[in-house]
């Protein structure tokens, strides 16, 4: 029986790639680097800010990456939702899960303060039992430490949890924590990508999540 659904943020609950690109390019150009394309920046999203920036500027040393990180954080805190929106049906889906008695949360590799601000700005902070970004002392996904801490607070076992995400770190997170996993096809990974990774459950819209929890709980495979 599914008792909790934990969502990734970027590319899963919210379409935030444009704001991420603006923040990254602000940092790059401030330090004399060329702007990167939307597509290139998007391809590095999901593994944490340091990995995103080092992927964009492979020649940068650790000190320069640190400076870029501070520039991104400062810019992004002032512009967290200029272009970011929830995906269609997200808020209604959260309400439906609540009606079914299923707890919900978000777990992102994005800086925790940014995740909190985005959740408030876009109206889902008060619909969830847990809103977590990357917190000091907790490793990034796919390490399961943060997810297991969330589930412990909820009183839910990993076997009773469904993780929903758009990229491999989310799938690996679910595997490492021992939860169920569902991939969304509108973020970083399309249906063929998920099938190639052997993912059993994937959805084309968030409106499908509530029904999927019932399907999984009933043990059906259709």
N, C-alpha and C. Protein backbone atom coordinates (compact mmCIF):
# COMPACT_ATOMS: atom_id res chain seq x y z
N UNK A 1 0.84 -1.20 0.00
CA UNK A 1 0.00 0.00 0.00
C UNK A 1 0.88 1.25 0.00
N UNK A 2 0.67 2.12 -0.96
CA UNK A 2 1.44 3.36 -1.02
C UNK A 2 0.88 4.35 0.00
N UNK A 3 1.74 4.79 0.92
CA UNK A 3 1.35 5.74 1.96
C UNK A 3 1.99 7.11 1.78
N UNK A 4 3.01 7.20 0.93
CA UNK A 4 3.68 8.48 0.70
C UNK A 4 4.22 8.53 -0.72
N UNK A 5 4.15 9.72 -1.31
CA UNK A 5 4.75 9.96 -2.63
C UNK A 5 5.73 11.12 -2.48
N UNK A 6 6.97 10.88 -2.84
CA UNK A 6 8.02 11.90 -2.74
C UNK A 6 8.45 12.28 -4.16
N UNK A 7 8.36 13.56 -4.46
CA UNK A 7 8.63 14.06 -5.80
C UNK A 7 9.99 14.74 -5.88
N UNK A 8 10.65 14.57 -7.00
CA UNK A 8 11.73 15.47 -7.38
C UNK A 8 11.09 16.83 -7.69
N UNK A 9 11.91 17.86 -7.81
CA UNK A 9 11.37 19.20 -8.08
C UNK A 9 11.52 19.57 -9.56
N UNK A 10 12.72 19.91 -9.97
CA UNK A 10 12.95 20.41 -11.34
C UNK A 10 12.67 19.31 -12.37
N UNK A 11 11.80 19.61 -13.31
CA UNK A 11 11.48 18.64 -14.35
C UNK A 11 10.46 17.61 -13.94
N UNK A 12 9.98 17.71 -12.70
CA UNK A 12 8.98 16.75 -12.20
C UNK A 12 7.74 17.47 -11.71
N UNK A 13 7.89 18.30 -10.70
CA UNK A 13 6.77 19.13 -10.22
C UNK A 13 6.74 20.47 -10.91
N UNK A 14 7.91 21.03 -11.21
CA UNK A 14 7.97 22.37 -11.79
C UNK A 14 8.86 22.41 -13.01
N UNK A 15 8.49 23.26 -13.95
CA UNK A 15 9.32 23.54 -15.12
C UNK A 15 10.15 24.77 -14.80
N UNK A 16 11.37 24.54 -14.36
CA UNK A 16 12.23 25.60 -13.84
C UNK A 16 13.47 25.83 -14.68
N UNK A 17 13.56 25.16 -15.81
CA UNK A 17 14.82 25.17 -16.55
C UNK A 17 15.21 26.56 -17.04
N UNK A 18 14.24 27.41 -17.38
CA UNK A 18 14.60 28.74 -17.88
C UNK A 18 15.22 29.59 -16.78
N UNK A 19 14.67 29.53 -15.57
CA UNK A 19 15.26 30.29 -14.46
C UNK A 19 16.65 29.76 -14.12
N UNK A 20 16.82 28.46 -14.15
CA UNK A 20 18.14 27.87 -13.90
C UNK A 20 19.14 28.37 -14.93
N UNK A 21 18.73 28.40 -16.19
CA UNK A 21 19.63 28.85 -17.26
C UNK A 21 20.02 30.31 -17.08
N UNK A 22 19.06 31.16 -16.72
CA UNK A 22 19.38 32.57 -16.50
C UNK A 22 20.37 32.73 -15.35
N UNK A 23 20.17 31.99 -14.26
CA UNK A 23 21.07 32.10 -13.11
C UNK A 23 22.47 31.60 -13.46
N UNK A 24 22.54 30.49 -14.18
CA UNK A 24 23.84 29.94 -14.56
C UNK A 24 24.58 30.89 -15.50
N UNK A 25 23.88 31.44 -16.47
CA UNK A 25 24.53 32.35 -17.41
C UNK A 25 24.95 33.65 -16.75
N UNK A 26 24.20 34.10 -15.75
CA UNK A 26 24.61 35.28 -14.99
C UNK A 26 25.97 35.04 -14.33
N UNK A 27 26.12 33.87 -13.72
CA UNK A 27 27.39 33.55 -13.06
C UNK A 27 28.52 33.41 -14.08
N UNK A 28 28.23 32.74 -15.18
CA UNK A 28 29.27 32.53 -16.19
C UNK A 28 29.77 33.84 -16.77
N UNK A 29 28.86 34.69 -17.19
CA UNK A 29 29.27 35.95 -17.83
C UNK A 29 29.91 36.91 -16.83
N UNK A 30 29.50 36.84 -15.57
CA UNK A 30 30.10 37.70 -14.55
C UNK A 30 31.58 37.40 -14.36
N UNK A 31 31.97 36.17 -14.66
CA UNK A 31 33.37 35.77 -14.50
C UNK A 31 34.07 35.61 -15.84
N UNK A 32 33.49 36.19 -16.89
CA UNK A 32 34.16 36.26 -18.17
C UNK A 32 33.99 35.07 -19.09
N UNK A 33 33.07 34.18 -18.76
CA UNK A 33 32.82 33.03 -19.62
C UNK A 33 31.67 33.34 -20.58
N UNK A 34 31.62 32.61 -21.67
CA UNK A 34 30.53 32.78 -22.62
C UNK A 34 29.25 32.16 -22.08
N UNK A 35 28.11 32.74 -22.51
CA UNK A 35 26.83 32.14 -22.18
C UNK A 35 26.73 30.75 -22.78
N UNK A 36 25.99 29.89 -22.11
CA UNK A 36 25.71 28.56 -22.62
C UNK A 36 24.26 28.49 -23.08
N UNK A 37 23.98 27.58 -24.00
CA UNK A 37 22.62 27.44 -24.50
C UNK A 37 21.72 26.83 -23.44
N UNK A 38 20.43 27.08 -23.60
CA UNK A 38 19.43 26.49 -22.72
C UNK A 38 19.59 24.97 -22.69
N UNK A 39 19.74 24.36 -23.86
CA UNK A 39 19.82 22.90 -23.95
C UNK A 39 21.05 22.37 -23.21
N UNK A 40 22.19 23.06 -23.35
CA UNK A 40 23.40 22.58 -22.68
C UNK A 40 23.26 22.67 -21.18
N UNK A 41 22.72 23.78 -20.69
CA UNK A 41 22.53 23.92 -19.24
C UNK A 41 21.56 22.87 -18.73
N UNK A 42 20.46 22.68 -19.44
CA UNK A 42 19.46 21.70 -19.01
C UNK A 42 20.05 20.30 -18.90
N UNK A 43 20.99 19.98 -19.78
CA UNK A 43 21.57 18.63 -19.77
C UNK A 43 22.37 18.34 -18.51
N UNK A 44 22.74 19.38 -17.76
CA UNK A 44 23.54 19.20 -16.55
C UNK A 44 22.70 19.34 -15.27
N UNK A 45 21.41 19.58 -15.40
CA UNK A 45 20.54 19.78 -14.24
C UNK A 45 20.27 18.43 -13.56
N UNK A 46 20.15 18.48 -12.23
CA UNK A 46 19.73 17.30 -11.50
C UNK A 46 20.77 16.66 -10.62
N UNK A 47 22.02 17.11 -10.75
CA UNK A 47 23.11 16.49 -9.99
C UNK A 47 23.71 17.45 -8.96
N UNK A 48 23.04 18.55 -8.67
CA UNK A 48 23.56 19.53 -7.74
C UNK A 48 24.26 20.67 -8.46
N UNK A 49 24.33 21.83 -7.79
CA UNK A 49 24.84 23.04 -8.43
C UNK A 49 26.31 22.94 -8.80
N UNK A 50 27.12 22.41 -7.91
CA UNK A 50 28.56 22.31 -8.22
C UNK A 50 28.78 21.45 -9.47
N UNK A 51 28.09 20.35 -9.55
CA UNK A 51 28.25 19.48 -10.72
C UNK A 51 27.74 20.16 -11.99
N UNK A 52 26.67 20.94 -11.87
CA UNK A 52 26.15 21.67 -13.03
C UNK A 52 27.21 22.63 -13.57
N UNK A 53 27.79 23.42 -12.67
CA UNK A 53 28.75 24.44 -13.10
C UNK A 53 30.06 23.82 -13.60
N UNK A 54 30.53 22.80 -12.93
CA UNK A 54 31.77 22.16 -13.38
C UNK A 54 31.57 21.46 -14.72
N UNK A 55 30.34 21.01 -14.98
CA UNK A 55 30.04 20.43 -16.28
C UNK A 55 30.04 21.46 -17.38
N UNK A 56 29.62 22.68 -17.05
CA UNK A 56 29.58 23.76 -18.05
C UNK A 56 30.95 24.37 -18.29
N UNK A 57 31.78 24.42 -17.26
CA UNK A 57 33.11 25.04 -17.37
C UNK A 57 34.13 24.04 -16.82
N UNK A 58 34.47 23.07 -17.64
CA UNK A 58 35.33 21.98 -17.18
C UNK A 58 36.73 22.45 -16.80
N UNK A 59 37.14 23.60 -17.36
CA UNK A 59 38.49 24.08 -17.07
C UNK A 59 38.57 24.88 -15.77
N UNK A 60 37.44 25.18 -15.16
CA UNK A 60 37.43 26.00 -13.94
C UNK A 60 37.96 25.20 -12.76
N UNK A 61 38.76 25.87 -11.92
CA UNK A 61 39.24 25.20 -10.71
C UNK A 61 38.20 25.32 -9.60
N UNK A 62 38.47 24.69 -8.48
CA UNK A 62 37.50 24.64 -7.39
C UNK A 62 37.16 26.03 -6.86
N UNK A 63 38.17 26.91 -6.79
CA UNK A 63 37.94 28.26 -6.28
C UNK A 63 36.99 29.03 -7.20
N UNK A 64 37.17 28.90 -8.51
CA UNK A 64 36.29 29.61 -9.44
C UNK A 64 34.88 29.03 -9.39
N UNK A 65 34.76 27.72 -9.26
CA UNK A 65 33.43 27.11 -9.12
C UNK A 65 32.74 27.64 -7.87
N UNK A 66 33.50 27.80 -6.79
CA UNK A 66 32.93 28.36 -5.56
C UNK A 66 32.37 29.76 -5.81
N UNK A 67 33.11 30.59 -6.55
CA UNK A 67 32.65 31.95 -6.84
C UNK A 67 31.39 31.91 -7.71
N UNK A 68 31.39 31.04 -8.69
CA UNK A 68 30.21 30.91 -9.54
C UNK A 68 28.99 30.44 -8.75
N UNK A 69 29.22 29.52 -7.83
CA UNK A 69 28.11 29.03 -7.01
C UNK A 69 27.47 30.16 -6.21
N UNK A 70 28.30 31.02 -5.64
CA UNK A 70 27.77 32.14 -4.86
C UNK A 70 26.99 33.10 -5.75
N UNK A 71 27.49 33.34 -6.97
CA UNK A 71 26.77 34.21 -7.91
C UNK A 71 25.43 33.61 -8.31
N UNK A 72 25.42 32.31 -8.57
CA UNK A 72 24.16 31.64 -8.92
C UNK A 72 23.17 31.74 -7.77
N UNK A 73 23.62 31.43 -6.56
CA UNK A 73 22.73 31.46 -5.40
C UNK A 73 22.14 32.84 -5.19
N UNK A 74 22.99 33.88 -5.27
CA UNK A 74 22.53 35.24 -5.06
C UNK A 74 21.50 35.65 -6.11
N UNK A 75 21.80 35.37 -7.37
CA UNK A 75 20.88 35.73 -8.46
C UNK A 75 19.59 34.93 -8.35
N UNK A 76 19.72 33.65 -8.10
CA UNK A 76 18.55 32.77 -8.10
C UNK A 76 17.62 33.08 -6.93
N UNK A 77 18.18 33.47 -5.78
CA UNK A 77 17.32 33.83 -4.64
C UNK A 77 16.47 35.05 -4.96
N UNK A 78 16.98 35.93 -5.82
CA UNK A 78 16.21 37.11 -6.23
C UNK A 78 15.27 36.82 -7.39
N UNK A 79 15.52 35.73 -8.12
CA UNK A 79 14.71 35.41 -9.31
C UNK A 79 14.35 33.92 -9.35
N UNK A 80 13.73 33.40 -8.28
CA UNK A 80 13.51 31.94 -8.24
C UNK A 80 12.37 31.46 -9.13
N UNK A 81 11.41 32.34 -9.37
CA UNK A 81 10.22 31.90 -10.13
C UNK A 81 9.80 32.93 -11.17
N UNK A 82 10.77 33.61 -11.77
CA UNK A 82 10.43 34.56 -12.83
C UNK A 82 9.72 33.86 -13.98
N UNK A 83 10.20 32.67 -14.33
CA UNK A 83 9.63 31.92 -15.44
C UNK A 83 9.13 30.53 -15.02
N UNK A 84 9.43 30.14 -13.80
CA UNK A 84 9.10 28.80 -13.33
C UNK A 84 7.62 28.65 -13.03
N UNK A 85 7.04 27.54 -13.45
CA UNK A 85 5.64 27.22 -13.17
C UNK A 85 5.54 25.75 -12.77
N UNK A 86 4.47 25.43 -12.05
CA UNK A 86 4.18 24.01 -11.82
C UNK A 86 3.69 23.40 -13.13
N UNK A 87 3.95 22.13 -13.29
CA UNK A 87 3.42 21.43 -14.47
C UNK A 87 1.91 21.30 -14.36
N UNK A 88 1.22 21.19 -15.49
CA UNK A 88 -0.25 21.10 -15.47
C UNK A 88 -0.74 19.99 -14.54
N UNK A 89 -1.71 20.35 -13.72
CA UNK A 89 -2.33 19.37 -12.84
C UNK A 89 -1.59 19.08 -11.55
N UNK A 90 -0.45 19.75 -11.31
CA UNK A 90 0.36 19.43 -10.14
C UNK A 90 -0.38 19.69 -8.83
N UNK A 91 -0.95 20.88 -8.69
CA UNK A 91 -1.61 21.22 -7.43
C UNK A 91 -2.85 20.37 -7.21
N UNK A 92 -3.59 20.13 -8.27
CA UNK A 92 -4.79 19.30 -8.15
C UNK A 92 -4.41 17.86 -7.79
N UNK A 93 -3.33 17.38 -8.34
CA UNK A 93 -2.85 16.04 -8.02
C UNK A 93 -2.48 15.92 -6.55
N UNK A 94 -1.81 16.93 -6.00
CA UNK A 94 -1.46 16.91 -4.59
C UNK A 94 -2.71 16.89 -3.72
N UNK A 95 -3.73 17.65 -4.11
CA UNK A 95 -4.99 17.64 -3.37
C UNK A 95 -5.64 16.27 -3.42
N UNK A 96 -5.58 15.62 -4.58
CA UNK A 96 -6.19 14.30 -4.73
C UNK A 96 -5.47 13.27 -3.88
N UNK A 97 -4.16 13.33 -3.84
CA UNK A 97 -3.42 12.40 -2.99
C UNK A 97 -3.77 12.61 -1.52
N UNK A 98 -3.94 13.87 -1.12
CA UNK A 98 -4.34 14.15 0.26
C UNK A 98 -5.71 13.54 0.55
N UNK A 99 -6.62 13.63 -0.41
CA UNK A 99 -7.94 13.03 -0.23
C UNK A 99 -7.86 11.52 -0.05
N UNK A 100 -6.87 10.90 -0.68
CA UNK A 100 -6.67 9.46 -0.56
C UNK A 100 -5.90 9.08 0.71
N UNK A 101 -5.51 10.08 1.50
CA UNK A 101 -4.77 9.82 2.73
C UNK A 101 -3.30 9.54 2.51
N UNK A 102 -2.78 9.96 1.36
CA UNK A 102 -1.37 9.72 1.02
C UNK A 102 -0.56 10.98 1.30
N UNK A 103 0.50 10.84 2.09
CA UNK A 103 1.38 11.97 2.38
C UNK A 103 2.27 12.27 1.17
N UNK A 104 2.65 13.53 1.05
CA UNK A 104 3.50 13.92 -0.07
C UNK A 104 4.67 14.79 0.40
N UNK A 105 5.71 14.79 -0.39
CA UNK A 105 6.87 15.62 -0.11
C UNK A 105 7.68 15.85 -1.36
N UNK A 106 8.62 16.76 -1.28
CA UNK A 106 9.54 17.01 -2.39
C UNK A 106 10.97 16.90 -1.86
N UNK A 107 11.83 16.29 -2.66
CA UNK A 107 13.24 16.16 -2.32
C UNK A 107 14.06 16.51 -3.55
N UNK A 108 14.85 17.58 -3.44
CA UNK A 108 15.62 18.09 -4.58
C UNK A 108 17.09 18.21 -4.22
N UNK A 109 17.94 18.14 -5.22
CA UNK A 109 19.36 18.44 -5.04
C UNK A 109 19.64 19.93 -5.09
N UNK A 110 18.62 20.73 -5.35
CA UNK A 110 18.76 22.19 -5.34
C UNK A 110 18.94 22.67 -3.90
N UNK A 111 19.62 23.80 -3.72
CA UNK A 111 19.83 24.38 -2.40
C UNK A 111 18.51 24.47 -1.63
N UNK A 112 18.52 24.07 -0.37
CA UNK A 112 17.28 23.98 0.40
C UNK A 112 16.54 25.31 0.49
N UNK A 113 17.25 26.41 0.69
CA UNK A 113 16.57 27.71 0.81
C UNK A 113 15.82 28.06 -0.47
N UNK A 114 16.37 27.68 -1.62
CA UNK A 114 15.69 27.92 -2.89
C UNK A 114 14.45 27.05 -3.03
N UNK A 115 14.57 25.80 -2.63
CA UNK A 115 13.42 24.89 -2.71
C UNK A 115 12.28 25.41 -1.84
N UNK A 116 12.61 25.87 -0.64
CA UNK A 116 11.57 26.41 0.24
C UNK A 116 10.88 27.61 -0.40
N UNK A 117 11.66 28.50 -0.99
CA UNK A 117 11.09 29.71 -1.60
C UNK A 117 10.22 29.36 -2.80
N UNK A 118 10.68 28.45 -3.64
CA UNK A 118 9.91 28.05 -4.81
C UNK A 118 8.60 27.40 -4.38
N UNK A 119 8.66 26.56 -3.36
CA UNK A 119 7.45 25.88 -2.89
C UNK A 119 6.41 26.87 -2.40
N UNK A 120 6.85 27.91 -1.71
CA UNK A 120 5.92 28.95 -1.24
C UNK A 120 5.40 29.77 -2.41
N UNK A 121 6.30 30.21 -3.27
CA UNK A 121 5.90 31.07 -4.39
C UNK A 121 4.89 30.39 -5.30
N UNK A 122 5.04 29.08 -5.51
CA UNK A 122 4.18 28.37 -6.46
C UNK A 122 3.01 27.66 -5.80
N UNK A 123 2.88 27.80 -4.48
CA UNK A 123 1.65 27.39 -3.82
C UNK A 123 1.54 25.94 -3.42
N UNK A 124 2.66 25.22 -3.30
CA UNK A 124 2.53 23.84 -2.87
C UNK A 124 3.20 23.54 -1.53
N UNK A 125 3.80 24.54 -0.90
CA UNK A 125 4.48 24.31 0.38
C UNK A 125 3.51 23.78 1.43
N UNK A 126 2.31 24.37 1.49
CA UNK A 126 1.35 23.96 2.51
C UNK A 126 0.54 22.74 2.12
N UNK A 127 0.81 22.17 0.97
CA UNK A 127 0.13 20.95 0.54
C UNK A 127 0.96 19.70 0.84
N UNK A 128 2.20 19.89 1.32
CA UNK A 128 3.13 18.78 1.49
C UNK A 128 3.57 18.64 2.94
N UNK A 129 3.88 17.42 3.30
CA UNK A 129 4.38 17.16 4.64
C UNK A 129 5.87 17.39 4.78
N UNK A 130 6.57 17.43 3.66
CA UNK A 130 8.03 17.61 3.69
C UNK A 130 8.48 18.34 2.44
N UNK A 131 9.26 19.40 2.64
CA UNK A 131 9.86 20.13 1.52
C UNK A 131 11.36 20.21 1.80
N UNK A 132 12.12 19.43 1.07
CA UNK A 132 13.56 19.34 1.32
C UNK A 132 14.35 19.64 0.05
N UNK A 133 15.34 20.51 0.21
CA UNK A 133 16.38 20.65 -0.78
C UNK A 133 17.66 20.06 -0.23
N UNK A 134 18.79 20.41 -0.84
CA UNK A 134 20.07 19.91 -0.34
C UNK A 134 20.41 20.64 0.95
N UNK A 135 20.51 19.89 2.04
CA UNK A 135 20.78 20.44 3.36
C UNK A 135 22.18 20.06 3.82
N UNK A 136 22.77 20.95 4.59
CA UNK A 136 24.11 20.70 5.11
C UNK A 136 24.12 19.42 5.93
N UNK A 137 25.11 18.59 5.69
CA UNK A 137 25.22 17.33 6.41
C UNK A 137 24.53 16.16 5.75
N UNK A 138 23.80 16.43 4.68
CA UNK A 138 23.11 15.37 3.95
C UNK A 138 23.70 15.27 2.54
N UNK A 139 24.07 14.08 2.11
CA UNK A 139 24.61 13.93 0.75
C UNK A 139 23.53 14.10 -0.30
N UNK A 140 23.95 14.40 -1.51
CA UNK A 140 23.03 14.58 -2.63
C UNK A 140 22.39 13.25 -3.03
N UNK A 141 21.22 13.33 -3.65
CA UNK A 141 20.68 12.15 -4.33
C UNK A 141 21.69 11.70 -5.40
N UNK A 142 21.84 10.40 -5.63
CA UNK A 142 20.95 9.31 -5.23
C UNK A 142 21.24 8.67 -3.88
N UNK A 143 22.13 9.25 -3.08
CA UNK A 143 22.27 8.74 -1.71
C UNK A 143 20.91 8.82 -1.03
N UNK A 144 20.47 7.77 -0.34
CA UNK A 144 19.11 7.74 0.21
C UNK A 144 18.94 8.39 1.57
N UNK A 145 20.00 8.97 2.13
CA UNK A 145 19.93 9.46 3.51
C UNK A 145 18.80 10.46 3.71
N UNK A 146 18.68 11.46 2.84
CA UNK A 146 17.62 12.47 2.99
C UNK A 146 16.24 11.85 2.87
N UNK A 147 16.06 10.99 1.87
CA UNK A 147 14.76 10.35 1.68
C UNK A 147 14.38 9.52 2.89
N UNK A 148 15.31 8.75 3.41
CA UNK A 148 15.00 7.92 4.58
C UNK A 148 14.67 8.78 5.80
N UNK A 149 15.30 9.94 5.92
CA UNK A 149 14.98 10.86 7.02
C UNK A 149 13.56 11.39 6.87
N UNK A 150 13.17 11.74 5.65
CA UNK A 150 11.81 12.22 5.39
C UNK A 150 10.79 11.14 5.75
N UNK A 151 11.04 9.93 5.29
CA UNK A 151 10.09 8.84 5.54
C UNK A 151 10.00 8.52 7.03
N UNK A 152 11.12 8.62 7.74
CA UNK A 152 11.08 8.39 9.19
C UNK A 152 10.20 9.43 9.88
N UNK A 153 10.30 10.70 9.44
CA UNK A 153 9.45 11.74 10.00
C UNK A 153 7.98 11.48 9.71
N UNK A 154 7.70 10.91 8.54
CA UNK A 154 6.31 10.63 8.15
C UNK A 154 5.77 9.35 8.78
N UNK A 155 6.66 8.52 9.30
CA UNK A 155 6.23 7.24 9.83
C UNK A 155 5.87 6.24 8.75
N UNK A 156 6.56 6.33 7.62
CA UNK A 156 6.29 5.49 6.45
C UNK A 156 7.53 4.67 6.14
N UNK A 157 7.34 3.39 5.84
CA UNK A 157 8.46 2.54 5.46
C UNK A 157 8.81 2.75 3.99
N UNK A 158 10.04 2.46 3.59
CA UNK A 158 10.40 2.60 2.17
C UNK A 158 9.48 1.80 1.25
N UNK A 159 9.05 0.63 1.67
CA UNK A 159 8.18 -0.19 0.83
C UNK A 159 6.83 0.46 0.58
N UNK A 160 6.46 1.43 1.42
CA UNK A 160 5.18 2.12 1.28
C UNK A 160 5.31 3.45 0.55
N UNK A 161 6.47 3.70 -0.03
CA UNK A 161 6.74 5.00 -0.67
C UNK A 161 6.92 4.84 -2.17
N UNK A 162 6.41 5.83 -2.89
CA UNK A 162 6.64 5.95 -4.33
C UNK A 162 7.45 7.21 -4.58
N UNK A 163 8.60 7.08 -5.21
CA UNK A 163 9.41 8.22 -5.63
C UNK A 163 9.06 8.54 -7.08
N UNK A 164 8.83 9.83 -7.36
CA UNK A 164 8.51 10.28 -8.72
C UNK A 164 9.59 11.25 -9.17
N UNK A 165 10.19 10.99 -10.32
CA UNK A 165 11.26 11.86 -10.80
C UNK A 165 11.43 11.81 -12.30
N UNK A 166 12.34 12.65 -12.78
CA UNK A 166 12.51 12.79 -14.23
C UNK A 166 13.88 12.37 -14.74
N UNK A 167 14.75 11.87 -13.85
CA UNK A 167 16.11 11.57 -14.28
C UNK A 167 16.70 10.42 -13.47
N UNK A 168 17.81 9.90 -13.95
CA UNK A 168 18.43 8.72 -13.35
C UNK A 168 18.73 8.86 -11.86
N UNK A 169 19.18 10.04 -11.36
CA UNK A 169 19.41 10.12 -9.92
C UNK A 169 18.17 9.81 -9.08
N UNK A 170 16.99 10.10 -9.62
CA UNK A 170 15.76 9.79 -8.89
C UNK A 170 15.49 8.29 -8.89
N UNK A 171 15.71 7.65 -10.03
CA UNK A 171 15.54 6.19 -10.10
C UNK A 171 16.53 5.50 -9.16
N UNK A 172 17.77 5.95 -9.18
CA UNK A 172 18.78 5.35 -8.32
C UNK A 172 18.48 5.62 -6.85
N UNK A 173 17.95 6.79 -6.55
CA UNK A 173 17.53 7.10 -5.19
C UNK A 173 16.51 6.09 -4.70
N UNK A 174 15.49 5.84 -5.53
CA UNK A 174 14.46 4.87 -5.16
C UNK A 174 15.05 3.49 -4.94
N UNK A 175 15.93 3.08 -5.84
CA UNK A 175 16.57 1.76 -5.70
C UNK A 175 17.38 1.68 -4.42
N UNK A 176 18.16 2.73 -4.14
CA UNK A 176 19.02 2.72 -2.96
C UNK A 176 18.22 2.74 -1.66
N UNK A 177 17.05 3.37 -1.69
CA UNK A 177 16.22 3.46 -0.48
C UNK A 177 15.26 2.30 -0.35
N UNK A 178 15.04 1.54 -1.43
CA UNK A 178 14.10 0.43 -1.38
C UNK A 178 12.66 0.82 -1.57
N UNK A 179 12.41 1.91 -2.34
CA UNK A 179 11.05 2.36 -2.60
C UNK A 179 10.63 1.99 -4.02
N UNK A 180 9.35 2.20 -4.32
CA UNK A 180 8.87 2.12 -5.69
C UNK A 180 9.32 3.38 -6.44
N UNK A 181 9.31 3.31 -7.78
CA UNK A 181 9.71 4.46 -8.58
C UNK A 181 8.79 4.63 -9.78
N UNK A 182 8.50 5.89 -10.09
CA UNK A 182 7.77 6.25 -11.31
C UNK A 182 8.52 7.37 -12.01
N UNK A 183 8.78 7.20 -13.29
CA UNK A 183 9.42 8.24 -14.07
C UNK A 183 8.40 9.09 -14.80
N UNK A 184 8.63 10.40 -14.86
CA UNK A 184 7.79 11.27 -15.68
C UNK A 184 8.50 11.47 -17.02
N UNK A 185 7.70 11.64 -18.07
CA UNK A 185 8.26 11.67 -19.43
C UNK A 185 8.43 13.07 -19.99
N UNK A 186 8.16 14.10 -19.16
CA UNK A 186 8.17 15.48 -19.67
C UNK A 186 9.32 16.31 -19.12
N UNK A 187 10.25 15.68 -18.41
CA UNK A 187 11.40 16.39 -17.86
C UNK A 187 12.67 16.07 -18.62
N UNK A 188 13.62 15.44 -17.95
CA UNK A 188 14.91 15.12 -18.57
C UNK A 188 14.89 13.82 -19.37
N UNK A 189 13.94 12.94 -19.08
CA UNK A 189 13.94 11.61 -19.68
C UNK A 189 12.59 11.31 -20.32
N UNK A 190 12.60 10.84 -21.55
CA UNK A 190 11.34 10.50 -22.21
C UNK A 190 11.01 9.02 -21.98
N UNK A 191 9.87 8.59 -22.52
CA UNK A 191 9.42 7.22 -22.26
C UNK A 191 10.43 6.17 -22.74
N UNK A 192 11.00 6.38 -23.91
CA UNK A 192 11.96 5.41 -24.42
C UNK A 192 13.19 5.34 -23.53
N UNK A 193 13.57 6.49 -22.96
CA UNK A 193 14.69 6.50 -22.03
C UNK A 193 14.42 5.68 -20.79
N UNK A 194 13.22 5.83 -20.24
CA UNK A 194 12.85 5.05 -19.06
C UNK A 194 12.77 3.57 -19.38
N UNK A 195 12.21 3.25 -20.54
CA UNK A 195 12.12 1.84 -20.92
C UNK A 195 13.52 1.25 -21.06
N UNK A 196 14.45 2.05 -21.57
CA UNK A 196 15.82 1.59 -21.70
C UNK A 196 16.49 1.34 -20.36
N UNK A 197 16.01 2.02 -19.31
CA UNK A 197 16.54 1.82 -17.97
C UNK A 197 15.77 0.75 -17.21
N UNK A 198 14.78 0.15 -17.87
CA UNK A 198 14.01 -0.92 -17.23
C UNK A 198 13.00 -0.45 -16.22
N UNK A 199 12.54 0.80 -16.34
CA UNK A 199 11.57 1.35 -15.39
C UNK A 199 10.18 0.81 -15.71
N UNK A 200 9.51 0.29 -14.69
CA UNK A 200 8.18 -0.31 -14.89
C UNK A 200 7.09 0.73 -15.01
N UNK A 201 7.16 1.77 -14.18
CA UNK A 201 6.09 2.76 -14.14
C UNK A 201 6.58 4.09 -14.68
N UNK A 202 5.87 4.67 -15.64
CA UNK A 202 6.14 6.04 -16.06
C UNK A 202 4.83 6.68 -16.51
N UNK A 203 4.75 8.00 -16.36
CA UNK A 203 3.52 8.74 -16.67
C UNK A 203 3.86 9.92 -17.57
N UNK A 204 2.87 10.29 -18.38
CA UNK A 204 3.01 11.42 -19.29
C UNK A 204 2.47 12.71 -18.70
N UNK A 205 1.77 12.63 -17.57
CA UNK A 205 1.23 13.82 -16.90
C UNK A 205 1.08 13.53 -15.42
N UNK A 206 1.10 14.57 -14.62
CA UNK A 206 0.97 14.40 -13.18
C UNK A 206 -0.43 13.97 -12.78
N UNK A 207 -1.41 14.21 -13.65
CA UNK A 207 -2.77 13.79 -13.35
C UNK A 207 -2.88 12.28 -13.18
N UNK A 208 -1.90 11.54 -13.69
CA UNK A 208 -1.94 10.07 -13.64
C UNK A 208 -1.41 9.50 -12.32
N UNK A 209 -0.80 10.33 -11.49
CA UNK A 209 -0.11 9.82 -10.30
C UNK A 209 -1.07 9.18 -9.30
N UNK A 210 -2.20 9.83 -9.02
CA UNK A 210 -3.12 9.29 -8.01
C UNK A 210 -3.60 7.90 -8.41
N UNK A 211 -3.99 7.75 -9.67
CA UNK A 211 -4.45 6.44 -10.13
C UNK A 211 -3.32 5.41 -10.06
N UNK A 212 -2.10 5.84 -10.36
CA UNK A 212 -0.98 4.92 -10.30
C UNK A 212 -0.75 4.40 -8.88
N UNK A 213 -0.90 5.26 -7.88
CA UNK A 213 -0.71 4.80 -6.50
C UNK A 213 -1.72 3.71 -6.17
N UNK A 214 -2.95 3.85 -6.67
CA UNK A 214 -3.96 2.83 -6.43
C UNK A 214 -3.62 1.54 -7.16
N UNK A 215 -3.10 1.67 -8.38
CA UNK A 215 -2.69 0.49 -9.15
C UNK A 215 -1.57 -0.27 -8.45
N UNK A 216 -0.55 0.47 -7.99
CA UNK A 216 0.57 -0.17 -7.30
C UNK A 216 0.10 -0.82 -6.01
N UNK A 217 -0.75 -0.11 -5.26
CA UNK A 217 -1.23 -0.64 -3.99
C UNK A 217 -2.04 -1.91 -4.18
N UNK A 218 -2.76 -1.98 -5.32
CA UNK A 218 -3.57 -3.16 -5.60
C UNK A 218 -2.75 -4.30 -6.18
N UNK A 219 -1.48 -4.02 -6.49
CA UNK A 219 -0.62 -5.05 -7.03
C UNK A 219 -0.85 -5.36 -8.48
N UNK A 220 -1.50 -4.43 -9.21
CA UNK A 220 -1.77 -4.66 -10.62
C UNK A 220 -0.56 -4.25 -11.44
N UNK A 221 -0.44 -4.81 -12.62
CA UNK A 221 0.66 -4.50 -13.53
C UNK A 221 0.17 -3.93 -14.84
N UNK A 222 -1.15 -3.63 -14.94
CA UNK A 222 -1.70 -3.11 -16.20
C UNK A 222 -1.46 -1.63 -16.30
